[in-house]
């Protein structure tokens, strides 16, 4: 990692946003995002939280193991696909949610979809029932 990438990742690990990091370092927020994205890609991380967690763990333990050694099989296959095809993952840019946060988000959307479908079906069945009563 370059010195500027290290600075950006260290500030991400402190919980700062790209705009806050940009103000701190005197660079543009898009430049901060580029530094972080390059560091993430270089070491095979899928989001900002993962690279920040790795940075905190290595700084606290005073050692810098290669983070690629701790990458999961899914992350490795995604990195290989990106390197071979040169394309980002489906859906565009990766977000900064952890796996747990993504699962919770998907579950929330699923539950809301089921509730909306149930409400619509109940409404239609109620209308049908009322129309049959009038006949």
C-alpha atoms as a PDB file:
ATOM      1  CA  UNK A   1       0.000   0.000   0.000  1.00  0.00           C
ATOM      2  CA  UNK A   2       1.164   3.500  -0.710  1.00  0.00           C
ATOM      3  CA  UNK A   3       1.486   6.027   2.091  1.00  0.00           C
ATOM      4  CA  UNK A   4      -1.649   7.868   0.942  1.00  0.00           C
ATOM      5  CA  UNK A   5      -3.642   4.631   0.748  1.00  0.00           C
ATOM      6  CA  UNK A   6      -2.476   3.788   4.268  1.00  0.00           C
ATOM      7  CA  UNK A   7      -3.552   7.237   5.484  1.00  0.00           C
ATOM      8  CA  UNK A   8      -6.993   6.817   3.930  1.00  0.00           C
ATOM      9  CA  UNK A   9      -7.476   3.278   5.271  1.00  0.00           C
ATOM     10  CA  UNK A  10      -6.328   4.371   8.749  1.00  0.00           C
ATOM     11  CA  UNK A  11      -8.932   7.133   8.763  1.00  0.00           C
ATOM     12  CA  UNK A  12     -11.619   4.726   7.508  1.00  0.00           C
ATOM     13  CA  UNK A  13     -10.668   2.479  10.427  1.00  0.00           C
ATOM     14  CA  UNK A  14     -11.367   5.443  12.720  1.00  0.00           C
ATOM     15  CA  UNK A  15     -14.881   5.651  11.281  1.00  0.00           C
ATOM     16  CA  UNK A  16     -14.492   8.737   9.094  1.00  0.00           C
ATOM     17  CA  UNK A  17     -16.442   9.185   5.856  1.00  0.00           C
ATOM     18  CA  UNK A  18     -14.787   9.944   2.528  1.00  0.00           C
ATOM     19  CA  UNK A  19     -15.705  13.622   2.842  1.00  0.00           C
ATOM     20  CA  UNK A  20     -14.206  13.837   6.331  1.00  0.00           C
ATOM     21  CA  UNK A  21     -11.048  12.059   5.188  1.00  0.00           C
ATOM     22  CA  UNK A  22     -10.798  14.389   2.188  1.00  0.00           C
ATOM     23  CA  UNK A  23     -11.002  17.444   4.465  1.00  0.00           C
ATOM     24  CA  UNK A  24      -8.423  15.939   6.805  1.00  0.00           C
ATOM     25  CA  UNK A  25      -5.924  15.159   4.030  1.00  0.00           C
ATOM     26  CA  UNK A  26      -6.713  18.101   1.755  1.00  0.00           C
ATOM     27  CA  UNK A  27      -7.743  15.988  -1.240  1.00  0.00           C
ATOM     28  CA  UNK A  28     -10.984  15.363  -3.116  1.00  0.00           C
ATOM     29  CA  UNK A  29     -13.496  12.793  -1.772  1.00  0.00           C
ATOM     30  CA  UNK A  30     -13.314  10.923  -5.083  1.00  0.00           C
ATOM     31  CA  UNK A  31      -9.538  10.638  -4.632  1.00  0.00           C
ATOM     32  CA  UNK A  32     -10.120   9.171  -1.167  1.00  0.00           C
ATOM     33  CA  UNK A  33     -12.564   6.660  -2.648  1.00  0.00           C
ATOM     34  CA  UNK A  34     -10.009   5.742  -5.316  1.00  0.00           C
ATOM     35  CA  UNK A  35      -7.247   5.176  -2.736  1.00  0.00           C
ATOM     36  CA  UNK A  36      -9.545   2.988  -0.639  1.00  0.00           C
ATOM     37  CA  UNK A  37     -10.843   1.072  -3.667  1.00  0.00           C
ATOM     38  CA  UNK A  38      -7.308   0.345  -4.863  1.00  0.00           C
ATOM     39  CA  UNK A  39      -6.286  -0.857  -1.396  1.00  0.00           C
ATOM     40  CA  UNK A  40      -9.409  -3.036  -1.191  1.00  0.00           C
ATOM     41  CA  UNK A  41      -8.772  -4.518  -4.628  1.00  0.00           C
ATOM     42  CA  UNK A  42      -5.056  -4.986  -3.972  1.00  0.00           C
ATOM     43  CA  UNK A  43      -5.735  -7.067  -0.865  1.00  0.00           C
ATOM     44  CA  UNK A  44      -8.994  -8.672  -1.976  1.00  0.00           C
ATOM     45  CA  UNK A  45     -11.462  -7.041   0.394  1.00  0.00           C
ATOM     46  CA  UNK A  46     -15.084  -6.627  -0.613  1.00  0.00           C
ATOM     47  CA  UNK A  47     -15.944  -3.514   1.386  1.00  0.00           C
ATOM     48  CA  UNK A  48     -14.576  -0.631   3.436  1.00  0.00           C
ATOM     49  CA  UNK A  49     -15.502  -2.283   6.720  1.00  0.00           C
ATOM     50  CA  UNK A  50     -13.376  -5.345   5.933  1.00  0.00           C
ATOM     51  CA  UNK A  51     -10.260  -3.332   5.054  1.00  0.00           C
ATOM     52  CA  UNK A  52     -10.787  -1.115   8.128  1.00  0.00           C
ATOM     53  CA  UNK A  53     -11.168  -4.182  10.376  1.00  0.00           C
ATOM     54  CA  UNK A  54      -8.001  -5.722   8.901  1.00  0.00           C
ATOM     55  CA  UNK A  55      -6.105  -2.462   9.430  1.00  0.00           C
ATOM     56  CA  UNK A  56      -7.233  -2.186  13.075  1.00  0.00           C
ATOM     57  CA  UNK A  57      -6.258  -5.800  13.751  1.00  0.00           C
ATOM     58  CA  UNK A  58      -2.818  -5.466  12.175  1.00  0.00           C
ATOM     59  CA  UNK A  59      -2.034  -2.129  13.844  1.00  0.00           C
ATOM     60  CA  UNK A  60      -3.111  -3.421  17.251  1.00  0.00           C
ATOM     61  CA  UNK A  61      -1.087  -6.617  16.877  1.00  0.00           C
ATOM     62  CA  UNK A  62       1.915  -4.752  15.371  1.00  0.00           C
ATOM     63  CA  UNK A  63       2.200  -7.200  12.501  1.00  0.00           C
ATOM     64  CA  UNK A  64       1.080  -6.969   8.914  1.00  0.00           C
ATOM     65  CA  UNK A  65       0.144 -10.386   7.529  1.00  0.00           C
ATOM     66  CA  UNK A  66      -0.963 -10.609   3.930  1.00  0.00           C
ATOM     67  CA  UNK A  67      -4.742 -10.142   4.094  1.00  0.00           C
ATOM     68  CA  UNK A  68      -5.170 -12.280   0.988  1.00  0.00           C
ATOM     69  CA  UNK A  69      -4.357 -15.284   3.171  1.00  0.00           C
ATOM     70  CA  UNK A  70      -7.525 -14.677   5.210  1.00  0.00           C
ATOM     71  CA  UNK A  71      -9.840 -14.081   2.229  1.00  0.00           C
ATOM     72  CA  UNK A  72     -12.790 -16.446   1.914  1.00  0.00           C
ATOM     73  CA  UNK A  73     -13.252 -18.733  -1.061  1.00  0.00           C
ATOM     74  CA  UNK A  74     -16.146 -16.571  -2.322  1.00  0.00           C
ATOM     75  CA  UNK A  75     -14.012 -13.419  -2.159  1.00  0.00           C
ATOM     76  CA  UNK A  76     -11.162 -15.154  -3.982  1.00  0.00           C
ATOM     77  CA  UNK A  77     -13.448 -16.393  -6.768  1.00  0.00           C
ATOM     78  CA  UNK A  78     -14.943 -12.891  -7.102  1.00  0.00           C
ATOM     79  CA  UNK A  79     -11.463 -11.363  -7.331  1.00  0.00           C
ATOM     80  CA  UNK A  80     -10.434 -13.935  -9.949  1.00  0.00           C
ATOM     81  CA  UNK A  81     -13.586 -13.209 -11.973  1.00  0.00           C
ATOM     82  CA  UNK A  82     -12.924  -9.477 -11.832  1.00  0.00           C
ATOM     83  CA  UNK A  83      -9.310  -9.964 -12.894  1.00  0.00           C
ATOM     84  CA  UNK A  84     -10.251 -12.260 -15.779  1.00  0.00           C
ATOM     85  CA  UNK A  85     -13.231 -10.281 -17.054  1.00  0.00           C
ATOM     86  CA  UNK A  86     -12.125  -6.828 -15.958  1.00  0.00           C
ATOM     87  CA  UNK A  87     -15.669  -6.006 -14.887  1.00  0.00           C
ATOM     88  CA  UNK A  88     -17.146  -5.031 -11.535  1.00  0.00           C
ATOM     89  CA  UNK A  89     -19.503  -7.453  -9.796  1.00  0.00           C
ATOM     90  CA  UNK A  90     -23.110  -7.572 -10.953  1.00  0.00           C
ATOM     91  CA  UNK A  91     -25.070  -4.705  -9.488  1.00  0.00           C
ATOM     92  CA  UNK A  92     -22.272  -2.176  -9.904  1.00  0.00           C
ATOM     93  CA  UNK A  93     -20.058  -0.815  -7.155  1.00  0.00           C
ATOM     94  CA  UNK A  94     -19.716  -2.803  -3.963  1.00  0.00           C
ATOM     95  CA  UNK A  95     -21.323  -1.269  -0.935  1.00  0.00           C
ATOM     96  CA  UNK A  96     -19.844  -0.960   2.509  1.00  0.00           C
ATOM     97  CA  UNK A  97     -22.284  -3.276   4.286  1.00  0.00           C
ATOM     98  CA  UNK A  98     -20.923  -6.322   6.044  1.00  0.00           C
ATOM     99  CA  UNK A  99     -22.285  -9.755   5.181  1.00  0.00           C
ATOM    100  CA  UNK A 100     -24.491  -9.718   8.286  1.00  0.00           C
ATOM    101  CA  UNK A 101     -25.887  -6.279   7.391  1.00  0.00           C
ATOM    102  CA  UNK A 102     -26.601  -7.450   3.837  1.00  0.00           C
ATOM    103  CA  UNK A 103     -28.449 -10.523   5.074  1.00  0.00           C
ATOM    104  CA  UNK A 104     -30.537  -8.387   7.441  1.00  0.00           C
ATOM    105  CA  UNK A 105     -31.367  -5.978   4.600  1.00  0.00           C
ATOM    106  CA  UNK A 106     -32.426  -8.803   2.302  1.00  0.00           C
ATOM    107  CA  UNK A 107     -34.538 -10.320   5.099  1.00  0.00           C
ATOM    108  CA  UNK A 108     -36.242  -6.966   5.742  1.00  0.00           C
ATOM    109  CA  UNK A 109     -37.092  -6.508   2.071  1.00  0.00           C
ATOM    110  CA  UNK A 110     -38.352 -10.099   1.874  1.00  0.00           C
ATOM    111  CA  UNK A 111     -40.593  -9.694   4.916  1.00  0.00           C
ATOM    112  CA  UNK A 112     -41.991  -6.406   3.652  1.00  0.00           C
ATOM    113  CA  UNK A 113     -42.668  -7.972   0.251  1.00  0.00           C
ATOM    114  CA  UNK A 114     -44.509 -10.892   1.831  1.00  0.00           C
ATOM    115  CA  UNK A 115     -46.551  -8.513   4.001  1.00  0.00           C
ATOM    116  CA  UNK A 116     -47.481  -6.336   1.006  1.00  0.00           C
ATOM    117  CA  UNK A 117     -48.459  -9.361  -1.069  1.00  0.00           C
ATOM    118  CA  UNK A 118     -50.551 -10.743   1.793  1.00  0.00           C
ATOM    119  CA  UNK A 119     -52.306  -7.401   2.281  1.00  0.00           C
ATOM    120  CA  UNK A 120     -53.079  -7.130  -1.442  1.00  0.00           C
ATOM    121  CA  UNK A 121     -54.386 -10.712  -1.566  1.00  0.00           C
ATOM    122  CA  UNK A 122     -56.547 -10.117   1.523  1.00  0.00           C
ATOM    123  CA  UNK A 123     -57.966  -6.947  -0.023  1.00  0.00           C
ATOM    124  CA  UNK A 124     -58.830  -8.694  -3.304  1.00  0.00           C
ATOM    125  CA  UNK A 125     -60.393 -11.657  -1.503  1.00  0.00           C
ATOM    126  CA  UNK A 126     -62.414  -9.256   0.660  1.00  0.00           C
ATOM    127  CA  UNK A 127     -63.730  -7.487  -2.445  1.00  0.00           C
ATOM    128  CA  UNK A 128     -64.667 -10.805  -4.027  1.00  0.00           C
ATOM    129  CA  UNK A 129     -66.440 -11.863  -0.836  1.00  0.00           C
ATOM    130  CA  UNK A 130     -68.374  -8.567  -0.666  1.00  0.00           C
ATOM    131  CA  UNK A 131     -69.415  -8.830  -4.320  1.00  0.00           C
ATOM    132  CA  UNK A 132     -70.710 -12.372  -3.781  1.00  0.00           C
ATOM    133  CA  UNK A 133     -72.732 -11.196  -0.749  1.00  0.00           C
ATOM    134  CA  UNK A 134     -74.469  -8.538  -2.847  1.00  0.00           C
ATOM    135  CA  UNK A 135     -75.525 -11.094  -5.481  1.00  0.00           C
END
